[in-house]
Amino acid sequence: MNWLTVLVASVGTYLLKLLGLLVPEKVLEHPRVRRITTLMPVALLAALIVMQTFSSGSRFTLDARAAGLAAALVAVLLKAPFLVVVVAACATTALVRLLL
């Protein structure tokens, strides 16, 4: 990677963000657009979690990270605070790695 690539990516990212500011208010207030913008971060975060949990390179992997994710899911279902969710996931992953 050279500096030209970084510069082009930076300018592209800035222009993309600027483009978002130029969208007319009428478009943003449309119910479908509001619903999509509300759900899009959740879908992207879920996809990121799945990719980081169940992949190793380009291969499917099932290891201690899945147990940590399951522990985090249980903590979320029990409506635990965010810090407890993170600690439960980390502790479970570490424990499973220790045992395996």
Foldseek 3Di string as FASTA:
>chain_A
DDPVVVVVVVVVVVVVVVVVVPDDPVVCPDVVNVVCVVCVVVVVVVVVLCCVQQDDPHDGHHALQVQLVVQLVVCVVVVHDPVVSNVRSVVSSVVRVVVD
